[in-house]
Amino acid sequence: MSNVIRNAELYWTKMDPENPVKPFDKFQWEVQLRTNDKSTAKEWKDRGLPVKQAEYEGDKFYSLNLKKLAVSTAGKKLTPPRCVDGALNPLDPNTVGNGSIGNVQYQPRDWEMGGKSGVVYDLIAVQVTKLNEYSGSNMEFDIVDLAGDDVAPEEIDTEDTPFAEEDSDF
């Protein structure tokens, strides 16, 4: 059986080679796969993959989170998962937005620790076949005082603060 999941919806793609995430004290890259199709979810589950039923903002779906550690337990930096387009050209993973469609390659790996054992499914590569481009957030904020009124940075008077003299060397 192939270790490729085809035509999955991609969400929360965090695969920047230079910036792995650290959700549980270990640096890693990750992506969430989704489907609304019960038979597709059953295929994933039949492969042994940890499929969950989920709901987000009223939308019910089946999800599967795949990840790859960025650093081994011995402290060695690991190779990040590849991200390519439909023609196998490199694709910046930071542009892969929620709802993109793609094929995801994974590799099962046995683990054993503290008398427990199991199988983990390492993320190897993502091929994006339909890009829903993420371009980042464009939020801009001003400093807001505790009363809720907007305060421009140049309007903050640091001379009258209680610790102005003590903190002048900061």
C-alpha atoms as a PDB file:
ATOM      1  CA  MET A   1       0.000   0.000   0.000  1.00  0.00           C
ATOM      2  CA  SER A   2       1.236   3.467  -0.876  1.00  0.00           C
ATOM      3  CA  ASN A   3       2.100   5.885   1.912  1.00  0.00           C
ATOM      4  CA  VAL A   4       0.452   8.756   0.028  1.00  0.00           C
ATOM      5  CA  ILE A   5      -2.909  10.271   0.895  1.00  0.00           C
ATOM      6  CA  ARG A   6      -4.443  11.804  -2.203  1.00  0.00           C
ATOM      7  CA  ASN A   7      -6.736  14.807  -2.629  1.00  0.00           C
ATOM      8  CA  ALA A   8      -6.900  15.819   1.021  1.00  0.00           C
ATOM      9  CA  GLU A   9      -7.928  19.266   2.192  1.00  0.00           C
ATOM     10  CA  LEU A  10      -4.943  20.929   3.857  1.00  0.00           C
ATOM     11  CA  TYR A  11      -5.270  23.077   6.996  1.00  0.00           C
ATOM     12  CA  TRP A  12      -2.881  24.745   9.433  1.00  0.00           C
ATOM     13  CA  THR A  13       0.168  23.983   7.275  1.00  0.00           C
ATOM     14  CA  LYS A  14       3.237  24.741   9.385  1.00  0.00           C
ATOM     15  CA  MET A  15       6.149  23.539   7.264  1.00  0.00           C
ATOM     16  CA  ASP A  16       8.508  26.524   7.045  1.00  0.00           C
ATOM     17  CA  PRO A  17      11.960  24.836   6.922  1.00  0.00           C
ATOM     18  CA  GLU A  18      13.509  27.717   8.892  1.00  0.00           C
ATOM     19  CA  ASN A  19      10.737  28.079  11.459  1.00  0.00           C
ATOM     20  CA  PRO A  20       9.353  24.833  12.895  1.00  0.00           C
ATOM     21  CA  VAL A  21       6.629  25.188  15.529  1.00  0.00           C
ATOM     22  CA  LYS A  22       6.950  24.066  19.143  1.00  0.00           C
ATOM     23  CA  PRO A  23       3.483  23.102  20.407  1.00  0.00           C
ATOM     24  CA  PHE A  24       4.509  20.475  22.989  1.00  0.00           C
ATOM     25  CA  ASP A  25       8.116  21.217  23.932  1.00  0.00           C
ATOM     26  CA  LYS A  26       9.501  19.711  20.707  1.00  0.00           C
ATOM     27  CA  PHE A  27      10.180  21.573  17.470  1.00  0.00           C
ATOM     28  CA  GLN A  28       8.229  20.087  14.561  1.00  0.00           C
ATOM     29  CA  TRP A  29       6.595  20.681  11.196  1.00  0.00           C
ATOM     30  CA  GLU A  30       2.938  19.744  10.761  1.00  0.00           C
ATOM     31  CA  VAL A  31      -0.150  19.789   8.596  1.00  0.00           C
ATOM     32  CA  GLN A  32      -3.778  18.853   9.190  1.00  0.00           C
ATOM     33  CA  LEU A  33      -5.628  16.800   6.561  1.00  0.00           C
ATOM     34  CA  ARG A  34      -9.416  16.981   6.359  1.00  0.00           C
ATOM     35  CA  THR A  35     -12.223  15.287   4.536  1.00  0.00           C
ATOM     36  CA  ASN A  36     -16.012  15.386   4.760  1.00  0.00           C
ATOM     37  CA  ASP A  37     -16.252  11.964   3.111  1.00  0.00           C
ATOM     38  CA  LYS A  38     -16.839   9.111   5.576  1.00  0.00           C
ATOM     39  CA  SER A  39     -15.435   6.458   3.201  1.00  0.00           C
ATOM     40  CA  THR A  40     -12.215   8.453   2.730  1.00  0.00           C
ATOM     41  CA  ALA A  41     -11.862   8.780   6.509  1.00  0.00           C
ATOM     42  CA  LYS A  42     -12.382   5.007   6.808  1.00  0.00           C
ATOM     43  CA  GLU A  43      -9.592   4.413   4.249  1.00  0.00           C
ATOM     44  CA  TRP A  44      -7.264   6.566   6.348  1.00  0.00           C
ATOM     45  CA  LYS A  45      -8.287   4.739   9.512  1.00  0.00           C
ATOM     46  CA  ASP A  46      -7.804   1.331   7.821  1.00  0.00           C
ATOM     47  CA  ARG A  47      -4.175   2.357   7.208  1.00  0.00           C
ATOM     48  CA  GLY A  48      -3.803   2.753  10.960  1.00  0.00           C
ATOM     49  CA  LEU A  49      -3.783   6.556  10.827  1.00  0.00           C
ATOM     50  CA  PRO A  50      -5.205   8.434  13.856  1.00  0.00           C
ATOM     51  CA  VAL A  51      -8.348   9.923  12.273  1.00  0.00           C
ATOM     52  CA  LYS A  52     -10.671  11.999  14.452  1.00  0.00           C
ATOM     53  CA  GLN A  53     -14.147  13.392  13.981  1.00  0.00           C
ATOM     54  CA  ALA A  54     -14.111  17.134  14.528  1.00  0.00           C
ATOM     55  CA  GLU A  55     -16.201  20.264  14.231  1.00  0.00           C
ATOM     56  CA  TYR A  56     -15.044  23.825  13.644  1.00  0.00           C
ATOM     57  CA  GLU A  57     -17.358  26.817  13.289  1.00  0.00           C
ATOM     58  CA  GLY A  58     -20.303  24.506  12.593  1.00  0.00           C
ATOM     59  CA  ASP A  59     -18.478  22.466   9.921  1.00  0.00           C
ATOM     60  CA  LYS A  60     -18.236  18.738  10.733  1.00  0.00           C
ATOM     61  CA  PHE A  61     -15.346  16.780   9.216  1.00  0.00           C
ATOM     62  CA  TYR A  62     -12.756  14.058   9.747  1.00  0.00           C
ATOM     63  CA  SER A  63      -9.207  15.184  10.468  1.00  0.00           C
ATOM     64  CA  LEU A  64      -5.725  13.739  10.629  1.00  0.00           C
ATOM     65  CA  ASN A  65      -2.658  15.585  11.908  1.00  0.00           C
ATOM     66  CA  LEU A  66       0.711  14.574  10.495  1.00  0.00           C
ATOM     67  CA  LYS A  67       3.981  15.941  11.819  1.00  0.00           C
ATOM     68  CA  LYS A  68       7.722  15.511  11.650  1.00  0.00           C
ATOM     69  CA  LEU A  69      10.175  16.344  14.402  1.00  0.00           C
ATOM     70  CA  ALA A  70      12.674  19.067  13.511  1.00  0.00           C
ATOM     71  CA  VAL A  71      15.286  17.854  15.998  1.00  0.00           C
ATOM     72  CA  SER A  72      16.075  14.271  16.998  1.00  0.00           C
ATOM     73  CA  THR A  73      16.237  13.192  20.641  1.00  0.00           C
ATOM     74  CA  ALA A  74      20.035  13.269  20.224  1.00  0.00           C
ATOM     75  CA  GLY A  75      19.841  16.968  19.232  1.00  0.00           C
ATOM     76  CA  LYS A  76      20.493  16.492  15.511  1.00  0.00           C
ATOM     77  CA  LYS A  77      18.607  18.814  13.121  1.00  0.00           C
ATOM     78  CA  LEU A  78      16.373  16.759  10.830  1.00  0.00           C
ATOM     79  CA  THR A  79      15.430  17.346   7.199  1.00  0.00           C
ATOM     80  CA  PRO A  80      12.158  19.288   6.822  1.00  0.00           C
ATOM     81  CA  PRO A  81       9.290  17.836   4.794  1.00  0.00           C
ATOM     82  CA  ARG A  82       9.269  18.905   1.157  1.00  0.00           C
ATOM     83  CA  CYS A  83       6.528  21.065  -0.308  1.00  0.00           C
ATOM     84  CA  VAL A  84       5.982  21.004  -4.073  1.00  0.00           C
ATOM     85  CA  ASP A  85       3.350  22.037  -6.608  1.00  0.00           C
ATOM     86  CA  GLY A  86       1.533  19.772  -9.063  1.00  0.00           C
ATOM     87  CA  ALA A  87       4.536  19.774 -11.439  1.00  0.00           C
ATOM     88  CA  LEU A  88       6.912  18.853  -8.562  1.00  0.00           C
ATOM     89  CA  ASN A  89       8.455  22.342  -8.464  1.00  0.00           C
ATOM     90  CA  PRO A  90       9.403  23.608  -4.987  1.00  0.00           C
ATOM     91  CA  LEU A  91       6.587  25.580  -3.354  1.00  0.00           C
ATOM     92  CA  ASP A  92       6.933  27.941  -0.402  1.00  0.00           C
ATOM     93  CA  PRO A  93       4.967  26.172   2.360  1.00  0.00           C
ATOM     94  CA  ASN A  94       4.111  29.555   3.877  1.00  0.00           C
ATOM     95  CA  THR A  95       1.797  30.203   0.908  1.00  0.00           C
ATOM     96  CA  VAL A  96      -0.345  27.081   1.494  1.00  0.00           C
ATOM     97  CA  GLY A  97      -3.616  28.363   2.922  1.00  0.00           C
ATOM     98  CA  ASN A  98      -6.464  26.529   4.607  1.00  0.00           C
ATOM     99  CA  GLY A  99      -8.621  24.679   2.104  1.00  0.00           C
ATOM    100  CA  SER A 100      -5.793  23.965  -0.345  1.00  0.00           C
ATOM    101  CA  ILE A 101      -5.945  20.462  -1.860  1.00  0.00           C
ATOM    102  CA  GLY A 102      -3.000  18.137  -2.047  1.00  0.00           C
ATOM    103  CA  ASN A 103      -1.330  14.777  -1.801  1.00  0.00           C
ATOM    104  CA  VAL A 104       0.571  14.005   1.384  1.00  0.00           C
ATOM    105  CA  GLN A 105       3.347  11.459   1.780  1.00  0.00           C
ATOM    106  CA  TYR A 106       4.005   9.973   5.214  1.00  0.00           C
ATOM    107  CA  GLN A 107       6.211   7.228   6.668  1.00  0.00           C
ATOM    108  CA  PRO A 108       5.163   4.960   9.556  1.00  0.00           C
ATOM    109  CA  ARG A 109       7.804   4.652  12.275  1.00  0.00           C
ATOM    110  CA  ASP A 110       7.805   2.399  15.340  1.00  0.00           C
ATOM    111  CA  TRP A 111       8.679   4.008  18.673  1.00  0.00           C
ATOM    112  CA  GLU A 112       9.410   2.740  22.132  1.00  0.00           C
ATOM    113  CA  MET A 113       9.900   4.747  25.323  1.00  0.00           C
ATOM    114  CA  GLY A 114       9.449   4.094  29.017  1.00  0.00           C
ATOM    115  CA  GLY A 115       7.964   0.638  28.493  1.00  0.00           C
ATOM    116  CA  LYS A 116       5.406   1.910  25.974  1.00  0.00           C
ATOM    117  CA  SER A 117       5.460   1.511  22.222  1.00  0.00           C
ATOM    118  CA  GLY A 118       3.464   2.380  19.150  1.00  0.00           C
ATOM    119  CA  VAL A 119       3.571   3.723  15.625  1.00  0.00           C
ATOM    120  CA  VAL A 120       3.915   7.351  14.616  1.00  0.00           C
ATOM    121  CA  TYR A 121       3.357   8.625  11.081  1.00  0.00           C
ATOM    122  CA  ASP A 122       6.080  11.072  10.003  1.00  0.00           C
ATOM    123  CA  LEU A 123       5.235  13.787   7.473  1.00  0.00           C
ATOM    124  CA  ILE A 124       7.566  13.408   4.455  1.00  0.00           C
ATOM    125  CA  ALA A 125       6.187  15.687   1.733  1.00  0.00           C
ATOM    126  CA  VAL A 126       3.169  17.659   0.537  1.00  0.00           C
ATOM    127  CA  GLN A 127       2.244  18.110  -3.119  1.00  0.00           C
ATOM    128  CA  VAL A 128      -0.233  20.968  -3.491  1.00  0.00           C
ATOM    129  CA  THR A 129      -2.541  20.342  -6.448  1.00  0.00           C
ATOM    130  CA  LYS A 130      -4.935  23.247  -5.793  1.00  0.00           C
ATOM    131  CA  LEU A 131      -3.431  26.216  -3.974  1.00  0.00           C
ATOM    132  CA  ASN A 132      -5.621  28.420  -1.830  1.00  0.00           C
ATOM    133  CA  GLU A 133      -2.913  31.004  -1.291  1.00  0.00           C
ATOM    134  CA  TYR A 134      -2.209  32.349   2.180  1.00  0.00           C
ATOM    135  CA  SER A 135      -0.694  35.810   2.059  1.00  0.00           C
ATOM    136  CA  GLY A 136      -0.511  36.600   5.775  1.00  0.00           C
ATOM    137  CA  SER A 137      -2.341  38.934   8.015  1.00  0.00           C
ATOM    138  CA  ASN A 138      -2.585  42.652   7.390  1.00  0.00           C
ATOM    139  CA  MET A 139      -3.644  43.682  10.909  1.00  0.00           C
ATOM    140  CA  GLU A 140      -2.238  46.939  12.211  1.00  0.00           C
ATOM    141  CA  PHE A 141      -2.666  48.094  15.782  1.00  0.00           C
ATOM    142  CA  ASP A 142      -1.868  51.217  17.797  1.00  0.00           C
ATOM    143  CA  ILE A 143      -0.955  51.084  21.475  1.00  0.00           C
ATOM    144  CA  VAL A 144      -4.113  50.954  23.565  1.00  0.00           C
ATOM    145  CA  ASP A 145      -4.217  52.154  27.177  1.00  0.00           C
ATOM    146  CA  LEU A 146      -6.037  50.182  29.864  1.00  0.00           C
ATOM    147  CA  ALA A 147      -9.110  52.397  29.520  1.00  0.00           C
ATOM    148  CA  GLY A 148      -9.435  51.282  25.921  1.00  0.00           C
ATOM    149  CA  ASP A 149      -8.556  54.605  24.253  1.00  0.00           C
ATOM    150  CA  ASP A 150      -6.079  54.533  21.379  1.00  0.00           C
ATOM    151  CA  VAL A 151      -2.721  56.119  22.177  1.00  0.00           C
ATOM    152  CA  ALA A 152      -0.126  56.799  19.511  1.00  0.00           C
ATOM    153  CA  PRO A 153       3.427  55.774  20.578  1.00  0.00           C
ATOM    154  CA  GLU A 154       4.687  59.373  20.373  1.00  0.00           C
ATOM    155  CA  GLU A 155       1.959  60.465  22.844  1.00  0.00           C
ATOM    156  CA  ILE A 156       3.222  58.292  25.703  1.00  0.00           C
ATOM    157  CA  ASP A 157       4.853  60.472  28.361  1.00  0.00           C
ATOM    158  CA  THR A 158       7.672  58.467  29.933  1.00  0.00           C
ATOM    159  CA  GLU A 159       8.887  61.355  32.129  1.00  0.00           C
ATOM    160  CA  ASP A 160       5.940  61.138  34.549  1.00  0.00           C
ATOM    161  CA  THR A 161       6.057  57.391  35.079  1.00  0.00           C
ATOM    162  CA  PRO A 162       6.912  56.290  38.649  1.00  0.00           C
ATOM    163  CA  PHE A 163      10.120  54.487  37.660  1.00  0.00           C
ATOM    164  CA  ALA A 164      11.423  56.889  35.001  1.00  0.00           C
ATOM    165  CA  GLU A 165      14.653  57.723  36.851  1.00  0.00           C
ATOM    166  CA  GLU A 166      15.310  54.152  38.025  1.00  0.00           C
ATOM    167  CA  ASP A 167      14.781  52.740  34.549  1.00  0.00           C
ATOM    168  CA  SER A 168      16.692  55.381  32.598  1.00  0.00           C
ATOM    169  CA  ASP A 169      19.456  52.848  31.863  1.00  0.00           C
ATOM    170  CA  PHE A 170      17.099  50.480  30.072  1.00  0.00           C
END
